[in-house]
Protein backbone atom coordinates (compact mmCIF):
# COMPACT_ATOMS: atom_id res chain seq x y z
CA MET A 1 90.31 71.92 108.06
CA PHE A 2 91.86 71.96 111.48
CA ALA A 3 91.11 69.17 113.93
CA GLU A 4 90.74 71.70 116.73
CA ARG A 5 89.61 75.26 116.48
CA LEU A 6 91.45 77.87 118.43
CA SER A 7 88.24 79.65 119.35
CA PRO A 8 84.68 78.42 119.91
CA PHE A 9 83.37 81.54 118.17
CA PRO A 10 82.61 81.59 114.44
CA VAL A 11 85.32 83.02 112.23
CA ARG A 12 84.32 85.85 109.94
CA VAL A 13 86.54 87.26 107.24
CA LEU A 14 85.97 90.41 105.24
CA LEU A 15 88.04 91.22 102.18
CA MET A 16 88.01 94.83 101.07
CA VAL A 17 89.67 96.09 97.93
CA ILE A 18 90.13 99.83 97.93
CA PRO A 19 91.62 101.00 94.64
CA GLN A 20 94.60 103.30 95.11
CA TRP A 21 94.54 103.02 98.90
CA ARG A 22 97.91 104.78 99.15
CA ILE A 23 96.54 107.76 97.23
CA VAL A 24 93.45 107.87 99.44
CA ALA A 25 95.62 107.90 102.57
CA ALA A 26 98.05 110.49 101.17
CA SER A 27 95.24 112.80 100.05
CA ARG A 28 94.01 112.98 103.66
CA LEU A 29 97.44 114.25 104.74
CA HIS A 30 98.03 116.43 101.66
CA PRO A 31 94.70 118.02 100.71
CA GLY A 32 94.50 120.08 97.56
CA ASP A 33 94.17 119.76 93.82
CA ALA A 34 97.76 118.91 92.97
CA PRO A 35 98.37 115.46 91.47
CA LEU A 36 99.85 113.04 94.00
CA MET A 37 102.67 110.59 93.46
CA ILE A 38 103.73 108.17 96.21
CA ALA A 39 107.43 107.37 96.13
CA ASP A 40 109.64 104.88 97.93
CA ARG A 41 113.43 104.85 97.55
CA GLY A 42 113.34 107.19 94.57
CA VAL A 43 110.73 105.25 92.62
CA VAL A 44 107.04 106.05 92.12
CA ILE A 45 104.96 103.22 93.59
CA ASP A 46 101.51 104.76 93.06
CA CYS A 47 99.98 107.87 91.50
CA CYS A 48 96.59 109.51 91.15
CA ALA A 49 94.59 109.58 87.91
CA ARG A 50 95.72 113.13 87.04
CA ALA A 51 99.39 112.18 87.32
CA ALA A 52 98.73 109.07 85.23
CA GLU A 53 97.16 111.25 82.53
CA GLU A 54 100.45 113.15 82.37
CA GLY A 55 102.35 109.90 81.80
CA VAL A 56 103.40 108.97 85.35
CA ILE A 57 103.35 105.22 85.99
CA PRO A 58 104.44 103.09 88.95
CA GLY A 59 108.06 102.06 88.59
CA LEU A 60 109.15 105.39 87.11
CA ARG A 61 112.03 107.21 88.79
CA VAL A 62 110.90 110.29 90.74
CA ARG A 63 112.95 112.68 88.59
CA ALA A 64 111.34 111.35 85.40
CA ALA A 65 107.90 111.56 86.99
CA GLN A 66 108.50 115.18 87.98
CA LEU A 67 109.49 115.97 84.38
CA ARG A 68 106.26 114.42 83.09
CA CYS A 69 104.07 116.01 85.79
CA PRO A 70 105.83 119.12 87.12
CA GLU A 71 102.84 120.31 89.18
CA GLY A 72 102.62 116.95 90.96
CA VAL A 73 103.42 116.50 94.64
CA VAL A 74 105.77 113.67 95.54
CA VAL A 75 104.79 112.12 98.87
CA PRO A 76 107.12 109.65 100.59
CA TYR A 77 105.56 106.27 101.31
CA ASP A 78 104.41 106.14 104.94
CA SER A 79 102.91 102.86 106.11
CA ALA A 80 102.17 104.26 109.59
CA SER A 81 99.75 106.89 108.27
CA GLU A 82 98.06 104.23 106.12
CA GLU A 83 97.57 102.04 109.20
CA VAL A 84 96.04 104.90 111.19
CA LEU A 85 93.56 105.63 108.40
CA PHE A 86 92.83 101.92 107.95
CA ASP A 87 92.03 101.63 111.67
CA GLU A 88 89.45 104.39 111.20
CA VAL A 89 87.89 102.46 108.31
CA VAL A 90 87.77 99.25 110.37
CA ARG A 91 86.09 101.07 113.28
CA GLU A 92 83.41 102.41 110.94
CA ILE A 93 82.80 98.95 109.49
CA GLU A 94 82.57 97.43 112.97
CA LYS A 95 79.77 99.88 113.80
CA SER A 96 77.55 98.44 111.08
CA VAL A 97 78.46 94.73 111.26
CA ALA A 98 76.58 92.51 113.67
CA THR A 99 78.61 91.23 116.58
CA TYR A 100 78.54 87.70 117.93
CA ARG A 101 76.86 87.30 121.31
CA ARG A 102 76.95 84.14 123.37
CA PRO A 103 73.52 82.77 124.19
CA ARG A 104 72.59 83.06 127.84
CA SER A 105 71.23 79.54 128.20
CA ALA A 106 70.45 76.57 126.00
CA THR A 107 67.79 73.92 126.51
CA ARG A 108 66.90 70.84 124.48
CA CYS A 109 64.26 71.41 121.84
CA GLY A 110 61.80 68.95 123.39
CA CYS A 111 61.31 66.66 120.39
CA GLY A 112 61.52 63.55 122.58
CA SER A 113 64.76 62.16 121.16
CA SER A 114 66.59 63.10 124.36
CA SER A 115 70.26 62.19 124.03
CA ARG A 116 70.27 61.82 120.20
CA CYS A 117 68.83 65.28 119.56
CA SER A 118 71.37 68.02 118.94
CA SER A 119 68.86 70.86 118.50
CA PHE A 120 68.80 73.54 121.15
CA LEU A 121 66.55 76.46 121.87
CA TRP A 122 68.55 79.56 122.78
CA ARG A 123 67.11 81.86 125.39
């Protein structure tokens, strides 16, 4: 661990795994029933379950993916739209997670140990 902490506040970390996050973000911008394929530089990097059923897999060239799933919609990868949607998710999580509040005052617990006691009562 670090000898000094950068902040006196407790550090909390939350790890969220959202399967097919790119598809979730793209479906918000491209609503409808068509299968979605996310592409970057001519290569499919993610696809929805319907496109996968048609044989589309990440790493496939866009032209080959369109041949396998002609009704699919190819969406260019856009990290900015993912970040905007992720910010919305974080705001919703922050509404339901308890926040840290500094105690107003601390006094010794009164056990009689005076200087050796490290217990405080927070008021």
